[in-house]
Amino acid sequence: MQHNPAYDAGIPEDQQGFAIKPTLAVTLIDVAVAPKVPAGWVAGDEVYGADSRLRAAVRGHRLEYVLAVAANRRVPTNAGPIRVDGPPAPISAHAWQKRPAGAGVHVPRLYSWWFAPS
């Protein structure tokens, strides 16, 4: 018989199942916000930023968020959808800022940041 950590933790078998990280995040946010746990924002890496259901759930709770997205991701703007690696001409190159997001295995992890008001 295979060891089952969920069973050992007291989780009934009928409530055990698989869910991707963004789905788990939506559930955790819903559970935290329902009893009015103070929360003002959500942050996540590309796994979370790529999930439209998570972004919609966060906006539905009226939470601010910072979610990383791949460089080829399209985002809505007043000028229409654009790829994040190719902002339209009205956006100055100076609007982008490179900031570290912790140490990488061999080099610092630098991310390009651009504030896009919703």
PDB file of N, CA and C in Angstrom:
ATOM      1  N   MET A   1       0.840  -1.185   0.000  1.00  0.00           N
ATOM      2  CA  MET A   1       0.000   0.000   0.000  1.00  0.00           C
ATOM      3  C   MET A   1       0.882   1.243   0.000  1.00  0.00           C
ATOM      4  N   GLN A   2       0.531   2.212  -0.845  1.00  0.00           N
ATOM      5  CA  GLN A   2       1.312   3.441  -0.963  1.00  0.00           C
ATOM      6  C   GLN A   2       0.959   4.405   0.169  1.00  0.00           C
ATOM      7  N   HIS A   3       1.979   5.088   0.685  1.00  0.00           N
ATOM      8  CA  HIS A   3       1.796   6.083   1.749  1.00  0.00           C
ATOM      9  C   HIS A   3       0.986   7.264   1.205  1.00  0.00           C
ATOM     10  N   ASN A   4      -0.022   7.718   1.955  1.00  0.00           N
ATOM     11  CA  ASN A   4      -0.881   8.822   1.526  1.00  0.00           C
ATOM     12  C   ASN A   4      -0.822   9.932   2.569  1.00  0.00           C
ATOM     13  N   PRO A   5      -0.003  10.982   2.311  1.00  0.00           N
ATOM     14  CA  PRO A   5       0.130  12.065   3.289  1.00  0.00           C
ATOM     15  C   PRO A   5      -1.192  12.781   3.558  1.00  0.00           C
ATOM     16  N   ALA A   6      -2.068  12.891   2.545  1.00  0.00           N
ATOM     17  CA  ALA A   6      -3.360  13.560   2.749  1.00  0.00           C
ATOM     18  C   ALA A   6      -4.206  12.774   3.747  1.00  0.00           C
ATOM     19  N   TYR A   7      -4.189  11.469   3.639  1.00  0.00           N
ATOM     20  CA  TYR A   7      -4.933  10.631   4.587  1.00  0.00           C
ATOM     21  C   TYR A   7      -4.348  10.793   5.986  1.00  0.00           C
ATOM     22  N   ASP A   8      -3.006  10.796   6.065  1.00  0.00           N
ATOM     23  CA  ASP A   8      -2.332  10.967   7.358  1.00  0.00           C
ATOM     24  C   ASP A   8      -2.666  12.317   7.986  1.00  0.00           C
ATOM     25  N   ALA A   9      -2.935  13.324   7.146  1.00  0.00           N
ATOM     26  CA  ALA A   9      -3.267  14.663   7.637  1.00  0.00           C
ATOM     27  C   ALA A   9      -4.727  14.779   8.051  1.00  0.00           C
ATOM     28  N   GLY A  10      -5.496  13.696   7.866  1.00  0.00           N
ATOM     29  CA  GLY A  10      -6.895  13.716   8.273  1.00  0.00           C
ATOM     30  C   GLY A  10      -7.856  14.227   7.208  1.00  0.00           C
ATOM     31  N   ILE A  11      -7.407  14.333   5.960  1.00  0.00           N
ATOM     32  CA  ILE A  11      -8.284  14.794   4.878  1.00  0.00           C
ATOM     33  C   ILE A  11      -9.040  13.578   4.348  1.00  0.00           C
ATOM     34  N   PRO A  12     -10.368  13.601   4.414  1.00  0.00           N
ATOM     35  CA  PRO A  12     -11.141  12.449   3.946  1.00  0.00           C
ATOM     36  C   PRO A  12     -10.854  12.153   2.471  1.00  0.00           C
ATOM     37  N   GLU A  13     -10.872  10.875   2.108  1.00  0.00           N
ATOM     38  CA  GLU A  13     -10.559  10.471   0.737  1.00  0.00           C
ATOM     39  C   GLU A  13     -11.461  11.139  -0.290  1.00  0.00           C
ATOM     40  N   ASP A  14     -12.735  11.379   0.042  1.00  0.00           N
ATOM     41  CA  ASP A  14     -13.641  11.987  -0.935  1.00  0.00           C
ATOM     42  C   ASP A  14     -13.352  13.480  -1.143  1.00  0.00           C
ATOM     43  N   GLN A  15     -12.461  14.057  -0.331  1.00  0.00           N
ATOM     44  CA  GLN A  15     -12.094  15.463  -0.494  1.00  0.00           C
ATOM     45  C   GLN A  15     -10.661  15.624  -0.987  1.00  0.00           C
ATOM     46  N   GLN A  16     -10.041  14.508  -1.356  1.00  0.00           N
ATOM     47  CA  GLN A  16      -8.697  14.560  -1.905  1.00  0.00           C
ATOM     48  C   GLN A  16      -8.804  14.613  -3.417  1.00  0.00           C
ATOM     49  N   GLY A  17      -7.989  15.425  -4.026  1.00  0.00           N
ATOM     50  CA  GLY A  17      -8.000  15.510  -5.479  1.00  0.00           C
ATOM     51  C   GLY A  17      -6.881  16.401  -5.959  1.00  0.00           C
ATOM     52  N   PHE A  18      -6.773  16.507  -7.259  1.00  0.00           N
ATOM     53  CA  PHE A  18      -5.715  17.308  -7.862  1.00  0.00           C
ATOM     54  C   PHE A  18      -6.290  18.638  -8.331  1.00  0.00           C
ATOM     55  N   ALA A  19      -5.540  19.698  -8.123  1.00  0.00           N
ATOM     56  CA  ALA A  19      -5.903  21.016  -8.655  1.00  0.00           C
ATOM     57  C   ALA A  19      -4.611  21.743  -8.982  1.00  0.00           C
ATOM     58  N   ILE A  20      -4.622  22.492 -10.081  1.00  0.00           N
ATOM     59  CA  ILE A  20      -3.438  23.262 -10.435  1.00  0.00           C
ATOM     60  C   ILE A  20      -3.278  24.429  -9.467  1.00  0.00           C
ATOM     61  N   LYS A  21      -2.070  24.968  -9.376  1.00  0.00           N
ATOM     62  CA  LYS A  21      -1.772  26.029  -8.404  1.00  0.00           C
ATOM     63  C   LYS A  21      -2.710  27.232  -8.494  1.00  0.00           C
ATOM     64  N   PRO A  22      -3.015  27.760  -9.699  1.00  0.00           N
ATOM     65  CA  PRO A  22      -3.925  28.905  -9.747  1.00  0.00           C
ATOM     66  C   PRO A  22      -5.326  28.582  -9.217  1.00  0.00           C
ATOM     67  N   THR A  23      -5.797  27.359  -9.449  1.00  0.00           N
ATOM     68  CA  THR A  23      -7.108  26.961  -8.919  1.00  0.00           C
ATOM     69  C   THR A  23      -7.070  26.915  -7.399  1.00  0.00           C
ATOM     70  N   LEU A  24      -5.985  26.387  -6.854  1.00  0.00           N
ATOM     71  CA  LEU A  24      -5.827  26.384  -5.396  1.00  0.00           C
ATOM     72  C   LEU A  24      -5.773  27.808  -4.859  1.00  0.00           C
ATOM     73  N   ALA A  25      -5.082  28.692  -5.578  1.00  0.00           N
ATOM     74  CA  ALA A  25      -4.972  30.085  -5.143  1.00  0.00           C
ATOM     75  C   ALA A  25      -6.339  30.756  -5.105  1.00  0.00           C
ATOM     76  N   VAL A  26      -7.170  30.518  -6.126  1.00  0.00           N
ATOM     77  CA  VAL A  26      -8.522  31.098  -6.141  1.00  0.00           C
ATOM     78  C   VAL A  26      -9.295  30.632  -4.916  1.00  0.00           C
ATOM     79  N   THR A  27      -9.215  29.348  -4.613  1.00  0.00           N
ATOM     80  CA  THR A  27      -9.922  28.801  -3.446  1.00  0.00           C
ATOM     81  C   THR A  27      -9.416  29.446  -2.162  1.00  0.00           C
ATOM     82  N   LEU A  28      -8.087  29.557  -2.023  1.00  0.00           N
ATOM     83  CA  LEU A  28      -7.525  30.161  -0.810  1.00  0.00           C
ATOM     84  C   LEU A  28      -7.932  31.623  -0.665  1.00  0.00           C
ATOM     85  N   ILE A  29      -7.913  32.356  -1.773  1.00  0.00           N
ATOM     86  CA  ILE A  29      -8.313  33.767  -1.717  1.00  0.00           C
ATOM     87  C   ILE A  29      -9.787  33.891  -1.368  1.00  0.00           C
ATOM     88  N   ASP A  30     -10.633  33.078  -2.003  1.00  0.00           N
ATOM     89  CA  ASP A  30     -12.071  33.103  -1.696  1.00  0.00           C
ATOM     90  C   ASP A  30     -12.326  32.821  -0.219  1.00  0.00           C
ATOM     91  N   VAL A  31     -11.643  31.805   0.315  1.00  0.00           N
ATOM     92  CA  VAL A  31     -11.828  31.424   1.721  1.00  0.00           C
ATOM     93  C   VAL A  31     -11.328  32.521   2.653  1.00  0.00           C
ATOM     94  N   ALA A  32     -10.222  33.181   2.294  1.00  0.00           N
ATOM     95  CA  ALA A  32      -9.663  34.238   3.146  1.00  0.00           C
ATOM     96  C   ALA A  32     -10.510  35.502   3.118  1.00  0.00           C
ATOM     97  N   VAL A  33     -11.043  35.851   1.959  1.00  0.00           N
ATOM     98  CA  VAL A  33     -11.783  37.103   1.809  1.00  0.00           C
ATOM     99  C   VAL A  33     -13.194  36.996   2.396  1.00  0.00           C
ATOM    100  N   ALA A  34     -13.789  35.818   2.341  1.00  0.00           N
ATOM    101  CA  ALA A  34     -15.172  35.637   2.819  1.00  0.00           C
ATOM    102  C   ALA A  34     -15.371  36.116   4.258  1.00  0.00           C
ATOM    103  N   PRO A  35     -14.492  35.745   5.209  1.00  0.00           N
ATOM    104  CA  PRO A  35     -14.693  36.234   6.585  1.00  0.00           C
ATOM    105  C   PRO A  35     -14.058  37.602   6.845  1.00  0.00           C
ATOM    106  N   LYS A  36     -13.737  38.314   5.785  1.00  0.00           N
ATOM    107  CA  LYS A  36     -13.180  39.666   5.886  1.00  0.00           C
ATOM    108  C   LYS A  36     -11.775  39.698   6.476  1.00  0.00           C
ATOM    109  N   VAL A  37     -10.965  38.668   6.154  1.00  0.00           N
ATOM    110  CA  VAL A  37      -9.561  38.702   6.552  1.00  0.00           C
ATOM    111  C   VAL A  37      -8.934  39.892   5.834  1.00  0.00           C
ATOM    112  N   PRO A  38      -8.242  40.780   6.544  1.00  0.00           N
ATOM    113  CA  PRO A  38      -7.692  41.961   5.886  1.00  0.00           C
ATOM    114  C   PRO A  38      -6.691  41.564   4.792  1.00  0.00           C
ATOM    115  N   ALA A  39      -6.957  41.979   3.591  1.00  0.00           N
ATOM    116  CA  ALA A  39      -6.063  41.716   2.463  1.00  0.00           C
ATOM    117  C   ALA A  39      -6.219  42.860   1.481  1.00  0.00           C
ATOM    118  N   GLY A  40      -5.121  43.358   0.989  1.00  0.00           N
ATOM    119  CA  GLY A  40      -5.186  44.466   0.053  1.00  0.00           C
ATOM    120  C   GLY A  40      -4.643  44.125  -1.319  1.00  0.00           C
ATOM    121  N   TRP A  41      -3.815  43.049  -1.394  1.00  0.00           N
ATOM    122  CA  TRP A  41      -3.188  42.747  -2.671  1.00  0.00           C
ATOM    123  C   TRP A  41      -2.776  41.283  -2.743  1.00  0.00           C
ATOM    124  N   VAL A  42      -2.466  40.867  -3.968  1.00  0.00           N
ATOM    125  CA  VAL A  42      -2.027  39.498  -4.252  1.00  0.00           C
ATOM    126  C   VAL A  42      -0.807  39.590  -5.161  1.00  0.00           C
ATOM    127  N   ALA A  43       0.170  38.720  -4.968  1.00  0.00           N
ATOM    128  CA  ALA A  43       1.346  38.678  -5.837  1.00  0.00           C
ATOM    129  C   ALA A  43       1.611  37.236  -6.244  1.00  0.00           C
ATOM    130  N   GLY A  44       2.136  37.052  -7.451  1.00  0.00           N
ATOM    131  CA  GLY A  44       2.458  35.711  -7.908  1.00  0.00           C
ATOM    132  C   GLY A  44       3.362  35.714  -9.118  1.00  0.00           C
ATOM    133  N   ASP A  45       3.947  34.552  -9.399  1.00  0.00           N
ATOM    134  CA  ASP A  45       4.836  34.425 -10.548  1.00  0.00           C
ATOM    135  C   ASP A  45       4.047  34.099 -11.812  1.00  0.00           C
ATOM    136  N   GLU A  46       4.757  33.712 -12.887  1.00  0.00           N
ATOM    137  CA  GLU A  46       4.113  33.478 -14.182  1.00  0.00           C
ATOM    138  C   GLU A  46       3.057  32.382 -14.154  1.00  0.00           C
ATOM    139  N   VAL A  47       3.225  31.395 -13.287  1.00  0.00           N
ATOM    140  CA  VAL A  47       2.219  30.331 -13.197  1.00  0.00           C
ATOM    141  C   VAL A  47       0.858  30.939 -12.862  1.00  0.00           C
ATOM    142  N   TYR A  48       0.842  31.908 -11.976  1.00  0.00           N
ATOM    143  CA  TYR A  48      -0.397  32.555 -11.559  1.00  0.00           C
ATOM    144  C   TYR A  48      -0.810  33.656 -12.541  1.00  0.00           C
ATOM    145  N   GLY A  49       0.162  34.421 -13.048  1.00  0.00           N
ATOM    146  CA  GLY A  49      -0.137  35.511 -13.962  1.00  0.00           C
ATOM    147  C   GLY A  49      -0.727  35.057 -15.287  1.00  0.00           C
ATOM    148  N   ALA A  50      -0.456  33.815 -15.679  1.00  0.00           N
ATOM    149  CA  ALA A  50      -0.962  33.295 -16.943  1.00  0.00           C
ATOM    150  C   ALA A  50      -2.405  32.806 -16.844  1.00  0.00           C
ATOM    151  N   ASP A  51      -2.956  32.754 -15.644  1.00  0.00           N
ATOM    152  CA  ASP A  51      -4.295  32.186 -15.451  1.00  0.00           C
ATOM    153  C   ASP A  51      -5.359  33.282 -15.386  1.00  0.00           C
ATOM    154  N   SER A  52      -6.169  33.378 -16.426  1.00  0.00           N
ATOM    155  CA  SER A  52      -7.185  34.445 -16.493  1.00  0.00           C
ATOM    156  C   SER A  52      -8.247  34.294 -15.418  1.00  0.00           C
ATOM    157  N   ARG A  53      -8.548  33.057 -15.005  1.00  0.00           N
ATOM    158  CA  ARG A  53      -9.556  32.856 -13.945  1.00  0.00           C
ATOM    159  C   ARG A  53      -9.074  33.414 -12.617  1.00  0.00           C
ATOM    160  N   LEU A  54      -7.790  33.265 -12.343  1.00  0.00           N
ATOM    161  CA  LEU A  54      -7.233  33.808 -11.101  1.00  0.00           C
ATOM    162  C   LEU A  54      -7.282  35.330 -11.127  1.00  0.00           C
ATOM    163  N   ARG A  55      -6.855  35.916 -12.243  1.00  0.00           N
ATOM    164  CA  ARG A  55      -6.891  37.383 -12.336  1.00  0.00           C
ATOM    165  C   ARG A  55      -8.319  37.900 -12.172  1.00  0.00           C
ATOM    166  N   ALA A  56      -9.284  37.225 -12.799  1.00  0.00           N
ATOM    167  CA  ALA A  56     -10.688  37.648 -12.681  1.00  0.00           C
ATOM    168  C   ALA A  56     -11.172  37.515 -11.240  1.00  0.00           C
ATOM    169  N   ALA A  57     -10.783  36.453 -10.554  1.00  0.00           N
ATOM    170  CA  ALA A  57     -11.201  36.254  -9.157  1.00  0.00           C
ATOM    171  C   ALA A  57     -10.618  37.346  -8.263  1.00  0.00           C
ATOM    172  N   VAL A  58      -9.357  37.686  -8.481  1.00  0.00           N
ATOM    173  CA  VAL A  58      -8.712  38.725  -7.679  1.00  0.00           C
ATOM    174  C   VAL A  58      -9.408  40.065  -7.910  1.00  0.00           C
ATOM    175  N   ARG A  59      -9.655  40.395  -9.184  1.00  0.00           N
ATOM    176  CA  ARG A  59     -10.365  41.654  -9.480  1.00  0.00           C
ATOM    177  C   ARG A  59     -11.776  41.623  -8.902  1.00  0.00           C
ATOM    178  N   GLY A  60     -12.430  40.457  -8.930  1.00  0.00           N
ATOM    179  CA  GLY A  60     -13.777  40.318  -8.375  1.00  0.00           C
ATOM    180  C   GLY A  60     -13.833  40.619  -6.884  1.00  0.00           C
ATOM    181  N   HIS A  61     -12.732  40.364  -6.207  1.00  0.00           N
ATOM    182  CA  HIS A  61     -12.647  40.676  -4.767  1.00  0.00           C
ATOM    183  C   HIS A  61     -12.128  42.093  -4.535  1.00  0.00           C
ATOM    184  N   ARG A  62     -11.914  42.831  -5.607  1.00  0.00           N
ATOM    185  CA  ARG A  62     -11.442  44.212  -5.553  1.00  0.00           C
ATOM    186  C   ARG A  62     -10.087  44.318  -4.846  1.00  0.00           C
ATOM    187  N   LEU A  63      -9.213  43.337  -5.132  1.00  0.00           N
ATOM    188  CA  LEU A  63      -7.856  43.330  -4.595  1.00  0.00           C
ATOM    189  C   LEU A  63      -6.895  43.831  -5.670  1.00  0.00           C
ATOM    190  N   GLU A  64      -5.887  44.575  -5.258  1.00  0.00           N
ATOM    191  CA  GLU A  64      -4.814  44.951  -6.168  1.00  0.00           C
ATOM    192  C   GLU A  64      -3.958  43.707  -6.388  1.00  0.00           C
ATOM    193  N   TYR A  65      -3.213  43.667  -7.493  1.00  0.00           N
ATOM    194  CA  TYR A  65      -2.365  42.499  -7.716  1.00  0.00           C
ATOM    195  C   TYR A  65      -1.149  42.834  -8.567  1.00  0.00           C
ATOM    196  N   VAL A  66      -0.097  42.038  -8.342  1.00  0.00           N
ATOM    197  CA  VAL A  66       1.107  42.044  -9.155  1.00  0.00           C
ATOM    198  C   VAL A  66       1.350  40.592  -9.510  1.00  0.00           C
ATOM    199  N   LEU A  67       1.157  40.261 -10.786  1.00  0.00           N
ATOM    200  CA  LEU A  67       1.357  38.899 -11.253  1.00  0.00           C
ATOM    201  C   LEU A  67       2.308  38.939 -12.445  1.00  0.00           C
ATOM    202  N   ALA A  68       3.366  38.161 -12.382  1.00  0.00           N
ATOM    203  CA  ALA A  68       4.329  38.111 -13.480  1.00  0.00           C
ATOM    204  C   ALA A  68       3.662  37.457 -14.693  1.00  0.00           C
ATOM    205  N   VAL A  69       4.060  37.908 -15.864  1.00  0.00           N
ATOM    206  CA  VAL A  69       3.565  37.307 -17.103  1.00  0.00           C
ATOM    207  C   VAL A  69       4.746  37.101 -18.046  1.00  0.00           C
ATOM    208  N   ALA A  70       4.600  36.164 -18.971  1.00  0.00           N
ATOM    209  CA  ALA A  70       5.633  35.914 -19.970  1.00  0.00           C
ATOM    210  C   ALA A  70       5.742  37.127 -20.892  1.00  0.00           C
ATOM    211  N   ALA A  71       6.901  37.313 -21.481  1.00  0.00           N
ATOM    212  CA  ALA A  71       7.156  38.472 -22.336  1.00  0.00           C
ATOM    213  C   ALA A  71       6.225  38.530 -23.543  1.00  0.00           C
ATOM    214  N   ASN A  72       5.723  37.399 -24.006  1.00  0.00           N
ATOM    215  CA  ASN A  72       4.848  37.405 -25.184  1.00  0.00           C
ATOM    216  C   ASN A  72       3.363  37.516 -24.836  1.00  0.00           C
ATOM    217  N   ARG A  73       3.051  37.739 -23.566  1.00  0.00           N
ATOM    218  CA  ARG A  73       1.656  37.868 -23.122  1.00  0.00           C
ATOM    219  C   ARG A  73       1.066  39.175 -23.634  1.00  0.00           C
ATOM    220  N   ARG A  74      -0.182  39.142 -24.062  1.00  0.00           N
ATOM    221  CA  ARG A  74      -0.889  40.358 -24.482  1.00  0.00           C
ATOM    222  C   ARG A  74      -1.685  40.874 -23.288  1.00  0.00           C
ATOM    223  N   VAL A  75      -1.646  42.196 -23.099  1.00  0.00           N
ATOM    224  CA  VAL A  75      -2.399  42.816 -22.013  1.00  0.00           C
ATOM    225  C   VAL A  75      -3.275  43.924 -22.600  1.00  0.00           C
ATOM    226  N   PRO A  76      -4.444  44.135 -21.996  1.00  0.00           N
ATOM    227  CA  PRO A  76      -5.312  45.206 -22.494  1.00  0.00           C
ATOM    228  C   PRO A  76      -4.793  46.573 -22.062  1.00  0.00           C
ATOM    229  N   THR A  77      -4.860  47.542 -22.964  1.00  0.00           N
ATOM    230  CA  THR A  77      -4.515  48.924 -22.647  1.00  0.00           C
ATOM    231  C   THR A  77      -5.541  49.821 -23.322  1.00  0.00           C
ATOM    232  N   ASN A  78      -5.505  51.096 -23.012  1.00  0.00           N
ATOM    233  CA  ASN A  78      -6.401  52.046 -23.678  1.00  0.00           C
ATOM    234  C   ASN A  78      -6.114  52.127 -25.175  1.00  0.00           C
ATOM    235  N   ALA A  79      -4.899  51.765 -25.575  1.00  0.00           N
ATOM    236  CA  ALA A  79      -4.522  51.777 -26.987  1.00  0.00           C
ATOM    237  C   ALA A  79      -4.818  50.435 -27.658  1.00  0.00           C
ATOM    238  N   GLY A  80      -5.464  49.521 -26.940  1.00  0.00           N
ATOM    239  CA  GLY A  80      -5.738  48.182 -27.457  1.00  0.00           C
ATOM    240  C   GLY A  80      -4.755  47.181 -26.873  1.00  0.00           C
ATOM    241  N   PRO A  81      -4.978  45.872 -27.118  1.00  0.00           N
ATOM    242  CA  PRO A  81      -4.089  44.858 -26.561  1.00  0.00           C
ATOM    243  C   PRO A  81      -2.673  44.981 -27.128  1.00  0.00           C
ATOM    244  N   ILE A  82      -1.693  44.822 -26.254  1.00  0.00           N
ATOM    245  CA  ILE A  82      -0.289  44.866 -26.674  1.00  0.00           C
ATOM    246  C   ILE A  82       0.459  43.715 -26.012  1.00  0.00           C
ATOM    247  N   ARG A  83       1.553  43.313 -26.650  1.00  0.00           N
ATOM    248  CA  ARG A  83       2.464  42.357 -26.015  1.00  0.00           C
ATOM    249  C   ARG A  83       3.268  43.122 -24.966  1.00  0.00           C
ATOM    250  N   VAL A  84       3.535  42.487 -23.851  1.00  0.00           N
ATOM    251  CA  VAL A  84       4.255  43.201 -22.788  1.00  0.00           C
ATOM    252  C   VAL A  84       5.707  43.469 -23.152  1.00  0.00           C
ATOM    253  N   ASP A  85       6.257  42.748 -24.137  1.00  0.00           N
ATOM    254  CA  ASP A  85       7.635  43.030 -24.535  1.00  0.00           C
ATOM    255  C   ASP A  85       7.713  44.056 -25.656  1.00  0.00           C
ATOM    256  N   GLY A  86       6.580  44.623 -26.053  1.00  0.00           N
ATOM    257  CA  GLY A  86       6.588  45.622 -27.111  1.00  0.00           C
ATOM    258  C   GLY A  86       5.572  46.705 -26.852  1.00  0.00           C
ATOM    259  N   PRO A  87       5.784  47.556 -25.839  1.00  0.00           N
ATOM    260  CA  PRO A  87       4.788  48.575 -25.527  1.00  0.00           C
ATOM    261  C   PRO A  87       4.616  49.559 -26.681  1.00  0.00           C
ATOM    262  N   PRO A  88       3.436  50.136 -26.830  1.00  0.00           N
ATOM    263  CA  PRO A  88       3.208  51.078 -27.911  1.00  0.00           C
ATOM    264  C   PRO A  88       4.048  52.346 -27.726  1.00  0.00           C
ATOM    265  N   ALA A  89       4.206  53.086 -28.789  1.00  0.00           N
ATOM    266  CA  ALA A  89       5.040  54.292 -28.800  1.00  0.00           C
ATOM    267  C   ALA A  89       4.750  55.264 -27.665  1.00  0.00           C
ATOM    268  N   PRO A  90       3.469  55.491 -27.262  1.00  0.00           N
ATOM    269  CA  PRO A  90       3.237  56.478 -26.195  1.00  0.00           C
ATOM    270  C   PRO A  90       3.876  56.116 -24.851  1.00  0.00           C
ATOM    271  N   ILE A  91       4.280  54.856 -24.676  1.00  0.00           N
ATOM    272  CA  ILE A  91       4.875  54.448 -23.406  1.00  0.00           C
ATOM    273  C   ILE A  91       6.389  54.609 -23.508  1.00  0.00           C
ATOM    274  N   SER A  92       6.937  55.485 -22.726  1.00  0.00           N
ATOM    275  CA  SER A  92       8.359  55.794 -22.741  1.00  0.00           C
ATOM    276  C   SER A  92       9.177  54.597 -22.269  1.00  0.00           C
ATOM    277  N   ALA A  93      10.337  54.448 -22.861  1.00  0.00           N
ATOM    278  CA  ALA A  93      11.257  53.398 -22.406  1.00  0.00           C
ATOM    279  C   ALA A  93      11.638  53.622 -20.946  1.00  0.00           C
ATOM    280  N   HIS A  94      11.544  54.871 -20.485  1.00  0.00           N
ATOM    281  CA  HIS A  94      11.878  55.191 -19.087  1.00  0.00           C
ATOM    282  C   HIS A  94      10.798  54.711 -18.117  1.00  0.00           C
ATOM    283  N   ALA A  95       9.623  54.356 -18.642  1.00  0.00           N
ATOM    284  CA  ALA A  95       8.550  53.863 -17.772  1.00  0.00           C
ATOM    285  C   ALA A  95       8.887  52.475 -17.233  1.00  0.00           C
ATOM    286  N   TRP A  96       9.714  51.731 -17.964  1.00  0.00           N
ATOM    287  CA  TRP A  96      10.120  50.396 -17.525  1.00  0.00           C
ATOM    288  C   TRP A  96      11.232  50.511 -16.500  1.00  0.00           C
ATOM    289  N   GLN A  97      11.169  49.678 -15.487  1.00  0.00           N
ATOM    290  CA  GLN A  97      12.218  49.637 -14.482  1.00  0.00           C
ATOM    291  C   GLN A  97      12.623  48.189 -14.272  1.00  0.00           C
ATOM    292  N   LYS A  98      13.914  47.930 -14.195  1.00  0.00           N
ATOM    293  CA  LYS A  98      14.407  46.587 -13.873  1.00  0.00           C
ATOM    294  C   LYS A  98      14.609  46.516 -12.368  1.00  0.00           C
ATOM    295  N   ARG A  99      14.018  45.511 -11.757  1.00  0.00           N
ATOM    296  CA  ARG A  99      14.118  45.328 -10.312  1.00  0.00           C
ATOM    297  C   ARG A  99      14.429  43.868 -10.010  1.00  0.00           C
ATOM    298  N   PRO A 100      15.224  43.608  -8.972  1.00  0.00           N
ATOM    299  CA  PRO A 100      15.514  42.223  -8.609  1.00  0.00           C
ATOM    300  C   PRO A 100      14.315  41.572  -7.919  1.00  0.00           C
ATOM    301  N   ALA A 101      14.202  40.289  -8.129  1.00  0.00           N
ATOM    302  CA  ALA A 101      13.139  39.516  -7.470  1.00  0.00           C
ATOM    303  C   ALA A 101      13.759  38.326  -6.746  1.00  0.00           C
ATOM    304  N   GLY A 102      14.866  38.569  -6.078  1.00  0.00           N
ATOM    305  CA  GLY A 102      15.528  37.519  -5.331  1.00  0.00           C
ATOM    306  C   GLY A 102      16.714  36.954  -6.095  1.00  0.00           C
ATOM    307  N   ALA A 103      17.505  36.182  -5.418  1.00  0.00           N
ATOM    308  CA  ALA A 103      18.693  35.590  -6.018  1.00  0.00           C
ATOM    309  C   ALA A 103      18.307  34.401  -6.877  1.00  0.00           C
ATOM    310  N   GLY A 104      18.903  34.320  -8.060  1.00  0.00           N
ATOM    311  CA  GLY A 104      18.721  33.152  -8.914  1.00  0.00           C
ATOM    312  C   GLY A 104      19.794  32.132  -8.591  1.00  0.00           C
ATOM    313  N   VAL A 105      19.797  31.022  -9.301  1.00  0.00           N
ATOM    314  CA  VAL A 105      20.802  29.989  -9.060  1.00  0.00           C
ATOM    315  C   VAL A 105      22.193  30.506  -9.401  1.00  0.00           C
ATOM    316  N   HIS A 106      22.323  31.189 -10.556  1.00  0.00           N
ATOM    317  CA  HIS A 106      23.637  31.670 -10.986  1.00  0.00           C
ATOM    318  C   HIS A 106      23.736  33.189 -11.051  1.00  0.00           C
ATOM    319  N   VAL A 107      22.633  33.852 -11.289  1.00  0.00           N
ATOM    320  CA  VAL A 107      22.615  35.312 -11.423  1.00  0.00           C
ATOM    321  C   VAL A 107      21.370  35.859 -10.729  1.00  0.00           C
ATOM    322  N   PRO A 108      21.360  37.153 -10.441  1.00  0.00           N
ATOM    323  CA  PRO A 108      20.143  37.731  -9.850  1.00  0.00           C
ATOM    324  C   PRO A 108      18.967  37.616 -10.836  1.00  0.00           C
ATOM    325  N   ARG A 109      17.791  37.407 -10.310  1.00  0.00           N
ATOM    326  CA  ARG A 109      16.586  37.375 -11.149  1.00  0.00           C
ATOM    327  C   ARG A 109      16.091  38.804 -11.289  1.00  0.00           C
ATOM    328  N   LEU A 110      16.258  39.373 -12.469  1.00  0.00           N
ATOM    329  CA  LEU A 110      15.799  40.733 -12.733  1.00  0.00           C
ATOM    330  C   LEU A 110      14.527  40.682 -13.561  1.00  0.00           C
ATOM    331  N   TYR A 111      13.561  41.481 -13.168  1.00  0.00           N
ATOM    332  CA  TYR A 111      12.306  41.573 -13.895  1.00  0.00           C
ATOM    333  C   TYR A 111      12.107  43.005 -14.348  1.00  0.00           C
ATOM    334  N   SER A 112      11.493  43.146 -15.520  1.00  0.00           N
ATOM    335  CA  SER A 112      11.134  44.477 -16.010  1.00  0.00           C
ATOM    336  C   SER A 112       9.735  44.800 -15.513  1.00  0.00           C
ATOM    337  N   TRP A 113       9.576  45.960 -14.894  1.00  0.00           N
ATOM    338  CA  TRP A 113       8.305  46.377 -14.312  1.00  0.00           C
ATOM    339  C   TRP A 113       7.787  47.599 -15.047  1.00  0.00           C
ATOM    340  N   TRP A 114       6.492  47.605 -15.280  1.00  0.00           N
ATOM    341  CA  TRP A 114       5.827  48.754 -15.884  1.00  0.00           C
ATOM    342  C   TRP A 114       4.457  48.843 -15.242  1.00  0.00           C
ATOM    343  N   PHE A 115       4.124  49.976 -14.669  1.00  0.00           N
ATOM    344  CA  PHE A 115       2.827  50.163 -14.013  1.00  0.00           C
ATOM    345  C   PHE A 115       1.785  50.464 -15.058  1.00  0.00           C
ATOM    346  N   ALA A 116       0.757  49.639 -15.099  1.00  0.00           N
ATOM    347  CA  ALA A 116      -0.343  49.846 -16.037  1.00  0.00           C
ATOM    348  C   ALA A 116      -1.627  50.032 -15.221  1.00  0.00           C
ATOM    349  N   PRO A 117      -2.097  51.249 -15.050  1.00  0.00           N
ATOM    350  CA  PRO A 117      -3.322  51.466 -14.263  1.00  0.00           C
ATOM    351  C   PRO A 117      -4.508  50.772 -14.903  1.00  0.00           C
ATOM    352  N   SER A 118      -5.378  50.228 -14.060  1.00  0.00           N
ATOM    353  CA  SER A 118      -6.547  49.515 -14.602  1.00  0.00           C
ATOM    354  C   SER A 118      -7.721  50.456 -14.759  1.00  0.00           C
TER     355      SER A 118
END
